[in-house]
């Protein structure tokens, strides 16, 4: 089964039963420009492999029902997606078992989110499934290079503006709410939503200095990165 990257970038499926870890990983990967879906266990894994067609799977070992090693065997029968395993077990035998069964990398809990994101990106590069550049009209968002070009001109962005643009690029053509943006870019959702409005406005001005509008407001819903009309 092929595993192509869609226009929003590489697709990452997270399978993790601990909600706090699952949400944190999903948010960190989304902020890095990946398209992410998450499952709490392996019940619907086969269906997601067919529907979502992930480029990489972040797979916990200690899951209810079928554990990560059993799911890894299912994944390897069904697709060639990269697999990064998560586990609280740090024994060499467990790591060797996962790698021997076809995992591409193994991360021991507790871990730093930035390291996990880097390992995911590294596996995608090794497996040839990375698609770091997202193109929207004349705008090019190069996730790997950490730069944006609009009309062929580099756009100078702050770290926060880059995170905001990367998140919108990772969800190209899909409307995202202010709450989703707050959680992904600032790490919490109970903050003044005007913060999003101010930063989107600033980002727009910088982008529109070099080309037409690509960040659109969808009234009552949020924002979308899209060429042409919203």
C-alpha atoms as a PDB file:
ATOM      1  CA  UNK A   1       0.000   0.000   0.000  1.00  0.00           C
ATOM      2  CA  UNK A   2       1.546   3.353  -0.981  1.00  0.00           C
ATOM      3  CA  UNK A   3       2.024   6.023   1.621  1.00  0.00           C
ATOM      4  CA  UNK A   4       2.186   9.339  -0.200  1.00  0.00           C
ATOM      5  CA  UNK A   5       2.539  12.653   1.569  1.00  0.00           C
ATOM      6  CA  UNK A   6      -0.456  14.865   1.020  1.00  0.00           C
ATOM      7  CA  UNK A   7      -0.320  18.597   0.284  1.00  0.00           C
ATOM      8  CA  UNK A   8      -0.214  19.368   4.005  1.00  0.00           C
ATOM      9  CA  UNK A   9       3.019  17.473   4.512  1.00  0.00           C
ATOM     10  CA  UNK A  10       3.969  14.049   5.872  1.00  0.00           C
ATOM     11  CA  UNK A  11       1.189  12.191   7.677  1.00  0.00           C
ATOM     12  CA  UNK A  12       1.909  10.991  11.210  1.00  0.00           C
ATOM     13  CA  UNK A  13      -0.285   8.534  13.119  1.00  0.00           C
ATOM     14  CA  UNK A  14       0.205   8.523  16.908  1.00  0.00           C
ATOM     15  CA  UNK A  15      -0.901   5.437  18.874  1.00  0.00           C
ATOM     16  CA  UNK A  16      -0.604   6.161  22.605  1.00  0.00           C
ATOM     17  CA  UNK A  17      -3.023   5.313  25.428  1.00  0.00           C
ATOM     18  CA  UNK A  18      -1.854   7.974  27.925  1.00  0.00           C
ATOM     19  CA  UNK A  19      -3.950  11.030  27.040  1.00  0.00           C
ATOM     20  CA  UNK A  20      -1.488  13.637  28.313  1.00  0.00           C
ATOM     21  CA  UNK A  21       1.367  12.142  26.265  1.00  0.00           C
ATOM     22  CA  UNK A  22      -0.854  11.586  23.226  1.00  0.00           C
ATOM     23  CA  UNK A  23      -2.068  15.201  23.176  1.00  0.00           C
ATOM     24  CA  UNK A  24       1.419  16.597  23.784  1.00  0.00           C
ATOM     25  CA  UNK A  25       2.935  14.532  20.963  1.00  0.00           C
ATOM     26  CA  UNK A  26       0.083  15.363  18.599  1.00  0.00           C
ATOM     27  CA  UNK A  27       0.457  19.080  19.342  1.00  0.00           C
ATOM     28  CA  UNK A  28       4.252  19.083  18.975  1.00  0.00           C
ATOM     29  CA  UNK A  29       4.135  17.256  15.642  1.00  0.00           C
ATOM     30  CA  UNK A  30       1.337  19.485  14.368  1.00  0.00           C
ATOM     31  CA  UNK A  31       3.324  22.581  15.313  1.00  0.00           C
ATOM     32  CA  UNK A  32       6.271  21.197  13.329  1.00  0.00           C
ATOM     33  CA  UNK A  33       4.139  21.158  10.181  1.00  0.00           C
ATOM     34  CA  UNK A  34       3.073  17.506  10.108  1.00  0.00           C
ATOM     35  CA  UNK A  35      -0.468  16.280   9.514  1.00  0.00           C
ATOM     36  CA  UNK A  36      -1.353  14.239  12.603  1.00  0.00           C
ATOM     37  CA  UNK A  37      -4.015  11.789  13.712  1.00  0.00           C
ATOM     38  CA  UNK A  38      -4.048   9.973  17.046  1.00  0.00           C
ATOM     39  CA  UNK A  39      -5.464   6.742  18.472  1.00  0.00           C
ATOM     40  CA  UNK A  40      -5.692   5.643  22.110  1.00  0.00           C
ATOM     41  CA  UNK A  41      -5.156   1.970  21.215  1.00  0.00           C
ATOM     42  CA  UNK A  42      -4.854  -0.375  18.256  1.00  0.00           C
ATOM     43  CA  UNK A  43      -8.569  -1.159  17.854  1.00  0.00           C
ATOM     44  CA  UNK A  44      -8.963   0.897  14.673  1.00  0.00           C
ATOM     45  CA  UNK A  45      -5.373   0.673  13.466  1.00  0.00           C
ATOM     46  CA  UNK A  46      -6.071  -1.309  10.298  1.00  0.00           C
ATOM     47  CA  UNK A  47      -8.825   1.106   9.263  1.00  0.00           C
ATOM     48  CA  UNK A  48      -6.583   4.127   9.849  1.00  0.00           C
ATOM     49  CA  UNK A  49      -3.767   2.572   7.829  1.00  0.00           C
ATOM     50  CA  UNK A  50      -6.176   2.355   4.888  1.00  0.00           C
ATOM     51  CA  UNK A  51      -7.928   5.715   5.370  1.00  0.00           C
ATOM     52  CA  UNK A  52      -5.127   7.965   6.579  1.00  0.00           C
ATOM     53  CA  UNK A  53      -2.196   6.213   4.870  1.00  0.00           C
ATOM     54  CA  UNK A  54       0.451   7.493   7.306  1.00  0.00           C
ATOM     55  CA  UNK A  55       4.036   8.141   6.301  1.00  0.00           C
ATOM     56  CA  UNK A  56       5.157   7.385   9.853  1.00  0.00           C
ATOM     57  CA  UNK A  57       3.618   5.899  12.993  1.00  0.00           C
ATOM     58  CA  UNK A  58       4.602   6.880  16.539  1.00  0.00           C
ATOM     59  CA  UNK A  59       3.738   3.681  18.386  1.00  0.00           C
ATOM     60  CA  UNK A  60       3.600   3.095  22.147  1.00  0.00           C
ATOM     61  CA  UNK A  61       4.631  -0.366  23.332  1.00  0.00           C
ATOM     62  CA  UNK A  62       2.486  -0.664  26.474  1.00  0.00           C
ATOM     63  CA  UNK A  63      -1.033  -0.447  25.024  1.00  0.00           C
ATOM     64  CA  UNK A  64      -4.300  -2.008  26.215  1.00  0.00           C
ATOM     65  CA  UNK A  65      -5.320  -5.006  24.132  1.00  0.00           C
ATOM     66  CA  UNK A  66      -2.731  -5.656  21.443  1.00  0.00           C
ATOM     67  CA  UNK A  67       0.607  -4.224  22.535  1.00  0.00           C
ATOM     68  CA  UNK A  68       2.988  -2.243  20.356  1.00  0.00           C
ATOM     69  CA  UNK A  69       4.975  -5.288  19.257  1.00  0.00           C
ATOM     70  CA  UNK A  70       1.803  -7.006  17.991  1.00  0.00           C
ATOM     71  CA  UNK A  71       0.706  -3.826  16.209  1.00  0.00           C
ATOM     72  CA  UNK A  72       4.154  -3.431  14.676  1.00  0.00           C
ATOM     73  CA  UNK A  73       3.750  -6.823  13.004  1.00  0.00           C
ATOM     74  CA  UNK A  74       0.375  -5.698  11.636  1.00  0.00           C
ATOM     75  CA  UNK A  75       1.902  -2.478  10.313  1.00  0.00           C
ATOM     76  CA  UNK A  76       4.735  -4.302   8.587  1.00  0.00           C
ATOM     77  CA  UNK A  77       2.251  -6.621   6.860  1.00  0.00           C
ATOM     78  CA  UNK A  78       0.123  -3.731   5.675  1.00  0.00           C
ATOM     79  CA  UNK A  79       2.439  -0.860   4.719  1.00  0.00           C
ATOM     80  CA  UNK A  80       5.967   0.533   4.601  1.00  0.00           C
ATOM     81  CA  UNK A  81       5.411   3.515   6.886  1.00  0.00           C
ATOM     82  CA  UNK A  82       8.253   4.475   9.204  1.00  0.00           C
ATOM     83  CA  UNK A  83       7.767   3.477  12.854  1.00  0.00           C
ATOM     84  CA  UNK A  84       9.120   5.221  15.947  1.00  0.00           C
ATOM     85  CA  UNK A  85       8.319   3.234  19.092  1.00  0.00           C
ATOM     86  CA  UNK A  86       7.712   4.791  22.507  1.00  0.00           C
ATOM     87  CA  UNK A  87       8.189   2.857  25.708  1.00  0.00           C
ATOM     88  CA  UNK A  88       8.871   3.138  29.412  1.00  0.00           C
ATOM     89  CA  UNK A  89      11.033   0.038  29.084  1.00  0.00           C
ATOM     90  CA  UNK A  90      14.687   0.874  28.656  1.00  0.00           C
ATOM     91  CA  UNK A  91      16.003  -2.678  28.509  1.00  0.00           C
ATOM     92  CA  UNK A  92      18.267  -3.524  25.600  1.00  0.00           C
ATOM     93  CA  UNK A  93      16.268  -6.670  24.820  1.00  0.00           C
ATOM     94  CA  UNK A  94      13.058  -4.705  24.295  1.00  0.00           C
ATOM     95  CA  UNK A  95      14.781  -2.210  22.042  1.00  0.00           C
ATOM     96  CA  UNK A  96      16.396  -4.955  20.010  1.00  0.00           C
ATOM     97  CA  UNK A  97      13.035  -6.715  19.723  1.00  0.00           C
ATOM     98  CA  UNK A  98      11.350  -3.604  18.352  1.00  0.00           C
ATOM     99  CA  UNK A  99      14.145  -2.856  15.906  1.00  0.00           C
ATOM    100  CA  UNK A 100      14.316  -6.492  14.895  1.00  0.00           C
ATOM    101  CA  UNK A 101      10.591  -6.544  14.135  1.00  0.00           C
ATOM    102  CA  UNK A 102      10.926  -3.564  11.798  1.00  0.00           C
ATOM    103  CA  UNK A 103      10.833  -0.398  13.894  1.00  0.00           C
ATOM    104  CA  UNK A 104      12.981   2.457  12.569  1.00  0.00           C
ATOM    105  CA  UNK A 105      13.726   4.106  15.913  1.00  0.00           C
ATOM    106  CA  UNK A 106      13.044   3.627  19.602  1.00  0.00           C
ATOM    107  CA  UNK A 107      12.435   6.456  22.133  1.00  0.00           C
ATOM    108  CA  UNK A 108      12.388   5.756  25.877  1.00  0.00           C
ATOM    109  CA  UNK A 109       9.978   7.615  28.172  1.00  0.00           C
ATOM    110  CA  UNK A 110      10.239  10.191  29.587  1.00  0.00           C
ATOM    111  CA  UNK A 111      11.459  12.051  26.523  1.00  0.00           C
ATOM    112  CA  UNK A 112      11.820  15.627  25.312  1.00  0.00           C
ATOM    113  CA  UNK A 113       9.220  16.487  22.670  1.00  0.00           C
ATOM    114  CA  UNK A 114      11.746  18.350  20.537  1.00  0.00           C
ATOM    115  CA  UNK A 115      13.901  15.223  20.372  1.00  0.00           C
ATOM    116  CA  UNK A 116      10.941  13.085  19.320  1.00  0.00           C
ATOM    117  CA  UNK A 117      10.055  15.562  16.561  1.00  0.00           C
ATOM    118  CA  UNK A 118      13.677  15.514  15.379  1.00  0.00           C
ATOM    119  CA  UNK A 119      13.741  11.700  15.354  1.00  0.00           C
ATOM    120  CA  UNK A 120      10.472  11.585  13.386  1.00  0.00           C
ATOM    121  CA  UNK A 121      11.904  14.020  10.828  1.00  0.00           C
ATOM    122  CA  UNK A 122      15.124  11.982  10.608  1.00  0.00           C
ATOM    123  CA  UNK A 123      13.231   8.729   9.942  1.00  0.00           C
ATOM    124  CA  UNK A 124      11.122  10.446   7.280  1.00  0.00           C
ATOM    125  CA  UNK A 125      14.277  11.690   5.578  1.00  0.00           C
ATOM    126  CA  UNK A 126      15.907   8.242   5.702  1.00  0.00           C
ATOM    127  CA  UNK A 127      12.823   6.572   4.271  1.00  0.00           C
ATOM    128  CA  UNK A 128      12.355   9.193   1.574  1.00  0.00           C
ATOM    129  CA  UNK A 129       8.900  10.205   2.767  1.00  0.00           C
ATOM    130  CA  UNK A 130       9.598  13.744   3.859  1.00  0.00           C
ATOM    131  CA  UNK A 131       8.024  16.599   1.974  1.00  0.00           C
ATOM    132  CA  UNK A 132       9.179  19.641   3.900  1.00  0.00           C
ATOM    133  CA  UNK A 133       8.142  22.315   1.391  1.00  0.00           C
ATOM    134  CA  UNK A 134       4.466  23.312   1.315  1.00  0.00           C
ATOM    135  CA  UNK A 135       3.408  25.479  -1.644  1.00  0.00           C
ATOM    136  CA  UNK A 136       0.352  27.713  -1.549  1.00  0.00           C
ATOM    137  CA  UNK A 137       0.168  29.902  -4.627  1.00  0.00           C
ATOM    138  CA  UNK A 138       3.401  31.911  -4.665  1.00  0.00           C
ATOM    139  CA  UNK A 139       4.131  31.048  -1.022  1.00  0.00           C
ATOM    140  CA  UNK A 140       6.658  28.304  -0.225  1.00  0.00           C
ATOM    141  CA  UNK A 141       6.982  27.160   3.393  1.00  0.00           C
ATOM    142  CA  UNK A 142      10.119  25.037   3.713  1.00  0.00           C
ATOM    143  CA  UNK A 143       9.708  23.273   7.059  1.00  0.00           C
ATOM    144  CA  UNK A 144      13.113  21.576   6.983  1.00  0.00           C
ATOM    145  CA  UNK A 145      15.014  24.738   6.026  1.00  0.00           C
ATOM    146  CA  UNK A 146      12.975  26.849   8.444  1.00  0.00           C
ATOM    147  CA  UNK A 147      12.195  29.568   5.903  1.00  0.00           C
ATOM    148  CA  UNK A 148       9.328  31.010   3.895  1.00  0.00           C
ATOM    149  CA  UNK A 149       9.412  32.548   0.420  1.00  0.00           C
ATOM    150  CA  UNK A 150       6.577  34.604  -1.028  1.00  0.00           C
ATOM    151  CA  UNK A 151       6.855  35.634  -4.637  1.00  0.00           C
ATOM    152  CA  UNK A 152      10.415  34.319  -4.534  1.00  0.00           C
ATOM    153  CA  UNK A 153      11.371  36.704  -1.712  1.00  0.00           C
ATOM    154  CA  UNK A 154      12.393  35.478   1.761  1.00  0.00           C
ATOM    155  CA  UNK A 155       9.966  36.575   4.479  1.00  0.00           C
ATOM    156  CA  UNK A 156      11.557  37.546   7.793  1.00  0.00           C
ATOM    157  CA  UNK A 157       9.526  36.072  10.640  1.00  0.00           C
ATOM    158  CA  UNK A 158       9.838  35.916  14.411  1.00  0.00           C
ATOM    159  CA  UNK A 159       9.989  32.509  16.086  1.00  0.00           C
ATOM    160  CA  UNK A 160       6.299  32.756  17.021  1.00  0.00           C
ATOM    161  CA  UNK A 161       5.266  33.841  13.522  1.00  0.00           C
ATOM    162  CA  UNK A 162       7.204  30.907  12.079  1.00  0.00           C
ATOM    163  CA  UNK A 163       5.441  28.458  14.409  1.00  0.00           C
ATOM    164  CA  UNK A 164       2.103  29.976  13.418  1.00  0.00           C
ATOM    165  CA  UNK A 165       2.859  29.761   9.705  1.00  0.00           C
ATOM    166  CA  UNK A 166       4.216  26.208  10.048  1.00  0.00           C
ATOM    167  CA  UNK A 167       1.047  25.140  11.828  1.00  0.00           C
ATOM    168  CA  UNK A 168      -1.175  26.693   9.163  1.00  0.00           C
ATOM    169  CA  UNK A 169       0.983  25.090   6.454  1.00  0.00           C
ATOM    170  CA  UNK A 170       0.655  21.724   8.166  1.00  0.00           C
ATOM    171  CA  UNK A 171      -3.118  22.134   7.917  1.00  0.00           C
ATOM    172  CA  UNK A 172      -3.203  23.679   4.454  1.00  0.00           C
ATOM    173  CA  UNK A 173      -6.718  24.062   3.009  1.00  0.00           C
ATOM    174  CA  UNK A 174      -8.290  23.171   6.381  1.00  0.00           C
ATOM    175  CA  UNK A 175      -9.870  25.678   8.736  1.00  0.00           C
ATOM    176  CA  UNK A 176      -8.264  25.726  12.206  1.00  0.00           C
ATOM    177  CA  UNK A 177      -9.839  27.450  15.197  1.00  0.00           C
ATOM    178  CA  UNK A 178      -8.240  30.009  17.483  1.00  0.00           C
ATOM    179  CA  UNK A 179      -8.222  27.403  20.255  1.00  0.00           C
ATOM    180  CA  UNK A 180      -6.358  24.920  18.061  1.00  0.00           C
ATOM    181  CA  UNK A 181      -3.801  27.591  17.179  1.00  0.00           C
ATOM    182  CA  UNK A 182      -3.377  28.649  20.816  1.00  0.00           C
ATOM    183  CA  UNK A 183      -2.748  25.053  21.851  1.00  0.00           C
ATOM    184  CA  UNK A 184      -0.336  24.313  18.994  1.00  0.00           C
ATOM    185  CA  UNK A 185       1.675  27.561  18.993  1.00  0.00           C
ATOM    186  CA  UNK A 186       1.569  28.682  22.636  1.00  0.00           C
ATOM    187  CA  UNK A 187       0.880  25.357  24.340  1.00  0.00           C
ATOM    188  CA  UNK A 188      -2.409  26.188  26.075  1.00  0.00           C
ATOM    189  CA  UNK A 189      -5.996  27.009  25.131  1.00  0.00           C
ATOM    190  CA  UNK A 190      -7.201  29.235  28.026  1.00  0.00           C
ATOM    191  CA  UNK A 191      -5.324  32.317  26.832  1.00  0.00           C
ATOM    192  CA  UNK A 192      -6.700  35.513  25.300  1.00  0.00           C
ATOM    193  CA  UNK A 193      -7.764  34.608  21.721  1.00  0.00           C
ATOM    194  CA  UNK A 194      -6.876  38.168  20.717  1.00  0.00           C
ATOM    195  CA  UNK A 195      -3.284  36.945  20.851  1.00  0.00           C
ATOM    196  CA  UNK A 196      -4.044  34.833  17.787  1.00  0.00           C
ATOM    197  CA  UNK A 197      -5.726  37.732  15.982  1.00  0.00           C
ATOM    198  CA  UNK A 198      -2.774  40.049  16.576  1.00  0.00           C
ATOM    199  CA  UNK A 199      -0.190  37.513  15.399  1.00  0.00           C
ATOM    200  CA  UNK A 200      -2.234  36.461  12.359  1.00  0.00           C
ATOM    201  CA  UNK A 201      -2.573  40.138  11.410  1.00  0.00           C
ATOM    202  CA  UNK A 202       1.185  40.685  11.700  1.00  0.00           C
ATOM    203  CA  UNK A 203       1.933  37.514   9.741  1.00  0.00           C
ATOM    204  CA  UNK A 204      -0.471  38.572   6.995  1.00  0.00           C
ATOM    205  CA  UNK A 205       1.171  41.959   6.613  1.00  0.00           C
ATOM    206  CA  UNK A 206       4.596  40.399   6.205  1.00  0.00           C
ATOM    207  CA  UNK A 207       3.363  37.834   3.677  1.00  0.00           C
ATOM    208  CA  UNK A 208       1.242  40.303   1.710  1.00  0.00           C
ATOM    209  CA  UNK A 209       4.213  42.620   1.329  1.00  0.00           C
ATOM    210  CA  UNK A 210       5.427  40.118  -1.285  1.00  0.00           C
ATOM    211  CA  UNK A 211       2.260  38.644  -2.781  1.00  0.00           C
ATOM    212  CA  UNK A 212      -1.503  38.091  -2.551  1.00  0.00           C
ATOM    213  CA  UNK A 213      -3.350  37.046   0.593  1.00  0.00           C
ATOM    214  CA  UNK A 214      -2.992  33.383   1.543  1.00  0.00           C
ATOM    215  CA  UNK A 215      -4.073  33.478   5.210  1.00  0.00           C
ATOM    216  CA  UNK A 216      -7.847  33.844   5.199  1.00  0.00           C
ATOM    217  CA  UNK A 217     -10.381  34.381   7.975  1.00  0.00           C
ATOM    218  CA  UNK A 218     -13.403  32.080   7.990  1.00  0.00           C
ATOM    219  CA  UNK A 219     -15.980  33.952  10.032  1.00  0.00           C
ATOM    220  CA  UNK A 220     -17.007  32.163  13.204  1.00  0.00           C
ATOM    221  CA  UNK A 221     -14.616  29.277  12.574  1.00  0.00           C
ATOM    222  CA  UNK A 222     -10.996  30.392  12.423  1.00  0.00           C
ATOM    223  CA  UNK A 223      -8.281  30.682   9.781  1.00  0.00           C
ATOM    224  CA  UNK A 224      -7.122  28.774   6.736  1.00  0.00           C
ATOM    225  CA  UNK A 225      -3.969  28.875   4.600  1.00  0.00           C
ATOM    226  CA  UNK A 226      -5.219  28.706   1.034  1.00  0.00           C
ATOM    227  CA  UNK A 227      -4.501  30.238  -2.336  1.00  0.00           C
ATOM    228  CA  UNK A 228      -7.217  32.382  -3.921  1.00  0.00           C
ATOM    229  CA  UNK A 229     -10.500  33.084  -2.144  1.00  0.00           C
ATOM    230  CA  UNK A 230     -11.208  31.668   1.363  1.00  0.00           C
END
